C-alpha atoms as a PDB file:
ATOM      1  CA  UNK A   1       8.910   8.631  -7.500  1.00  0.00           C
ATOM      2  CA  UNK A   2      11.046   5.567  -7.222  1.00  0.00           C
ATOM      3  CA  UNK A   3      10.683   2.488  -9.387  1.00  0.00           C
ATOM      4  CA  UNK A   4       9.658  -0.615  -7.509  1.00  0.00           C
ATOM      5  CA  UNK A   5      12.267  -3.279  -7.007  1.00  0.00           C
ATOM      6  CA  UNK A   6      11.781  -6.850  -5.953  1.00  0.00           C
ATOM      7  CA  UNK A   7       8.343  -7.256  -7.503  1.00  0.00           C
ATOM      8  CA  UNK A   8       6.903 -10.679  -6.951  1.00  0.00           C
ATOM      9  CA  UNK A   9       8.822 -11.337  -3.766  1.00  0.00           C
ATOM     10  CA  UNK A  10       7.129 -11.388  -0.419  1.00  0.00           C
ATOM     11  CA  UNK A  11       8.552 -10.446   2.923  1.00  0.00           C
ATOM     12  CA  UNK A  12       8.396 -12.782   5.877  1.00  0.00           C
ATOM     13  CA  UNK A  13       5.296 -10.834   6.928  1.00  0.00           C
ATOM     14  CA  UNK A  14       3.254 -11.836   3.907  1.00  0.00           C
ATOM     15  CA  UNK A  15       2.162 -10.468   0.553  1.00  0.00           C
ATOM     16  CA  UNK A  16      -0.116  -7.741   1.948  1.00  0.00           C
ATOM     17  CA  UNK A  17       2.737  -6.247   3.945  1.00  0.00           C
ATOM     18  CA  UNK A  18       4.985  -6.480   0.888  1.00  0.00           C
ATOM     19  CA  UNK A  19       2.334  -4.719  -1.183  1.00  0.00           C
ATOM     20  CA  UNK A  20       2.041  -1.933   1.383  1.00  0.00           C
ATOM     21  CA  UNK A  21       5.815  -1.542   1.386  1.00  0.00           C
ATOM     22  CA  UNK A  22       5.782  -1.281  -2.425  1.00  0.00           C
ATOM     23  CA  UNK A  23       3.255   1.540  -2.181  1.00  0.00           C
ATOM     24  CA  UNK A  24       5.441   3.280   0.404  1.00  0.00           C
ATOM     25  CA  UNK A  25       8.460   3.056  -1.908  1.00  0.00           C
ATOM     26  CA  UNK A  26       6.493   5.156  -4.386  1.00  0.00           C
ATOM     27  CA  UNK A  27       6.546   8.120  -2.007  1.00  0.00           C
ATOM     28  CA  UNK A  28       7.966  11.374  -3.327  1.00  0.00           C
ATOM     29  CA  UNK A  29      10.728  11.612  -0.722  1.00  0.00           C
ATOM     30  CA  UNK A  30      12.587   9.446   1.774  1.00  0.00           C
ATOM     31  CA  UNK A  31      10.789  11.285   4.588  1.00  0.00           C
ATOM     32  CA  UNK A  32       7.362  10.486   3.107  1.00  0.00           C
ATOM     33  CA  UNK A  33       8.434   6.874   2.572  1.00  0.00           C
ATOM     34  CA  UNK A  34       9.499   6.545   6.192  1.00  0.00           C
ATOM     35  CA  UNK A  35       6.231   8.089   7.425  1.00  0.00           C
ATOM     36  CA  UNK A  36       4.290   5.697   5.198  1.00  0.00           C
ATOM     37  CA  UNK A  37       6.195   2.716   6.580  1.00  0.00           C
ATOM     38  CA  UNK A  38       5.497   3.864  10.155  1.00  0.00           C
ATOM     39  CA  UNK A  39       1.764   4.050   9.339  1.00  0.00           C
ATOM     40  CA  UNK A  40       1.879   0.580   7.760  1.00  0.00           C
ATOM     41  CA  UNK A  41       3.550  -0.781  10.906  1.00  0.00           C
ATOM     42  CA  UNK A  42       0.930   0.845  13.131  1.00  0.00           C
ATOM     43  CA  UNK A  43      -1.963  -0.408  10.996  1.00  0.00           C
ATOM     44  CA  UNK A  44      -0.551  -3.931  10.851  1.00  0.00           C
ATOM     45  CA  UNK A  45      -0.313  -4.467  14.607  1.00  0.00           C
ATOM     46  CA  UNK A  46      -2.700  -7.154  15.768  1.00  0.00           C
ATOM     47  CA  UNK A  47      -4.280  -7.630  12.352  1.00  0.00           C
ATOM     48  CA  UNK A  48      -5.013 -11.024  10.841  1.00  0.00           C
ATOM     49  CA  UNK A  49      -5.094 -11.473   7.078  1.00  0.00           C
ATOM     50  CA  UNK A  50      -7.381 -14.122   5.618  1.00  0.00           C
ATOM     51  CA  UNK A  51      -6.165 -16.507   2.943  1.00  0.00           C
ATOM     52  CA  UNK A  52      -8.418 -14.715   0.446  1.00  0.00           C
ATOM     53  CA  UNK A  53      -6.902 -11.331   1.314  1.00  0.00           C
ATOM     54  CA  UNK A  54      -3.377 -12.748   1.060  1.00  0.00           C
ATOM     55  CA  UNK A  55      -4.156 -14.204  -2.380  1.00  0.00           C
ATOM     56  CA  UNK A  56      -5.524 -10.841  -3.530  1.00  0.00           C
ATOM     57  CA  UNK A  57      -2.396  -9.062  -2.317  1.00  0.00           C
ATOM     58  CA  UNK A  58      -0.183 -11.656  -3.999  1.00  0.00           C
ATOM     59  CA  UNK A  59      -1.976 -11.071  -7.310  1.00  0.00           C
ATOM     60  CA  UNK A  60      -1.555  -7.300  -6.976  1.00  0.00           C
ATOM     61  CA  UNK A  61       2.202  -7.559  -6.439  1.00  0.00           C
ATOM     62  CA  UNK A  62       2.701  -8.043 -10.174  1.00  0.00           C
ATOM     63  CA  UNK A  63       0.630  -5.031 -11.243  1.00  0.00           C
ATOM     64  CA  UNK A  64       1.221  -2.515  -8.448  1.00  0.00           C
ATOM     65  CA  UNK A  65       3.843  -0.106  -9.719  1.00  0.00           C
ATOM     66  CA  UNK A  66       4.780   3.469  -9.003  1.00  0.00           C
ATOM     67  CA  UNK A  67       3.943   4.222 -12.613  1.00  0.00           C
ATOM     68  CA  UNK A  68       0.414   2.871 -12.114  1.00  0.00           C
ATOM     69  CA  UNK A  69      -0.017   5.055  -9.035  1.00  0.00           C
ATOM     70  CA  UNK A  70       1.355   8.105 -10.872  1.00  0.00           C
ATOM     71  CA  UNK A  71      -1.260   7.535 -13.586  1.00  0.00           C
ATOM     72  CA  UNK A  72      -4.034   7.353 -11.009  1.00  0.00           C
ATOM     73  CA  UNK A  73      -4.510   3.597 -11.345  1.00  0.00           C
ATOM     74  CA  UNK A  74      -4.902   3.101  -7.606  1.00  0.00           C
ATOM     75  CA  UNK A  75      -6.822  -0.163  -8.022  1.00  0.00           C
ATOM     76  CA  UNK A  76      -3.624  -1.732  -9.409  1.00  0.00           C
ATOM     77  CA  UNK A  77      -2.301  -1.570  -5.847  1.00  0.00           C
ATOM     78  CA  UNK A  78      -5.557  -2.465  -4.137  1.00  0.00           C
ATOM     79  CA  UNK A  79      -6.255   1.111  -3.130  1.00  0.00           C
ATOM     80  CA  UNK A  80      -9.868   2.197  -3.103  1.00  0.00           C
ATOM     81  CA  UNK A  81     -11.043   5.431  -4.611  1.00  0.00           C
ATOM     82  CA  UNK A  82     -12.406   8.099  -2.309  1.00  0.00           C
ATOM     83  CA  UNK A  83     -15.422  10.242  -3.182  1.00  0.00           C
ATOM     84  CA  UNK A  84     -14.506  13.624  -4.694  1.00  0.00           C
ATOM     85  CA  UNK A  85     -15.671  15.491  -1.597  1.00  0.00           C
ATOM     86  CA  UNK A  86     -13.409  13.551   0.804  1.00  0.00           C
ATOM     87  CA  UNK A  87      -9.917  14.786   1.624  1.00  0.00           C
ATOM     88  CA  UNK A  88      -7.672  11.660   1.586  1.00  0.00           C
ATOM     89  CA  UNK A  89      -5.582  12.922   4.500  1.00  0.00           C
ATOM     90  CA  UNK A  90      -8.596  13.507   6.741  1.00  0.00           C
ATOM     91  CA  UNK A  91     -10.270  10.261   5.646  1.00  0.00           C
ATOM     92  CA  UNK A  92      -7.301   8.184   6.754  1.00  0.00           C
ATOM     93  CA  UNK A  93      -6.099  10.132   9.752  1.00  0.00           C
ATOM     94  CA  UNK A  94      -3.279  11.781   7.791  1.00  0.00           C
ATOM     95  CA  UNK A  95      -2.089   8.498   6.319  1.00  0.00           C
ATOM     96  CA  UNK A  96      -1.883   7.580   2.694  1.00  0.00           C
ATOM     97  CA  UNK A  97      -5.320   6.519   1.410  1.00  0.00           C
ATOM     98  CA  UNK A  98      -6.564   2.992   1.980  1.00  0.00           C
ATOM     99  CA  UNK A  99      -3.544   1.601   3.809  1.00  0.00           C
ATOM    100  CA  UNK A 100      -5.960  -0.564   5.761  1.00  0.00           C
ATOM    101  CA  UNK A 101      -6.108  -2.681   2.597  1.00  0.00           C
ATOM    102  CA  UNK A 102      -2.577  -3.808   3.436  1.00  0.00           C
ATOM    103  CA  UNK A 103      -2.723  -4.703   7.082  1.00  0.00           C
ATOM    104  CA  UNK A 104      -0.725  -7.703   8.088  1.00  0.00           C
END
C-alpha cells in the first residue's frame, strides 16, 4: 500500500472528497486505485455534504492513513464496520466498503 501524501490539504471539492481520495490511494495496485476513484466519482454525483459532515471529514484527514487501514482501524478514515456475515463487496455493490461516507 502507498503512504498518503498531502495530508491536511483539501481538494477544491471539499474535505470529504479529499478523504475518499486518500482511502483510494491506499489501494494495493494502480488498477484498484483507479477503480476506487471511479466509484468515488459515481457516488459523489449530485450529493450535498452538510457542514457537519464536512467538519467530520476535515477532522479525519489528519488520522486517516494507509497504515491505519492496514491495521484494521477503519474508523480512522470514517469507514463503518460491517457485520461479520456481510461480504463487503456485495454490501457496497462491488465498491470499497462505506464509500458513501465520502460523497461530495
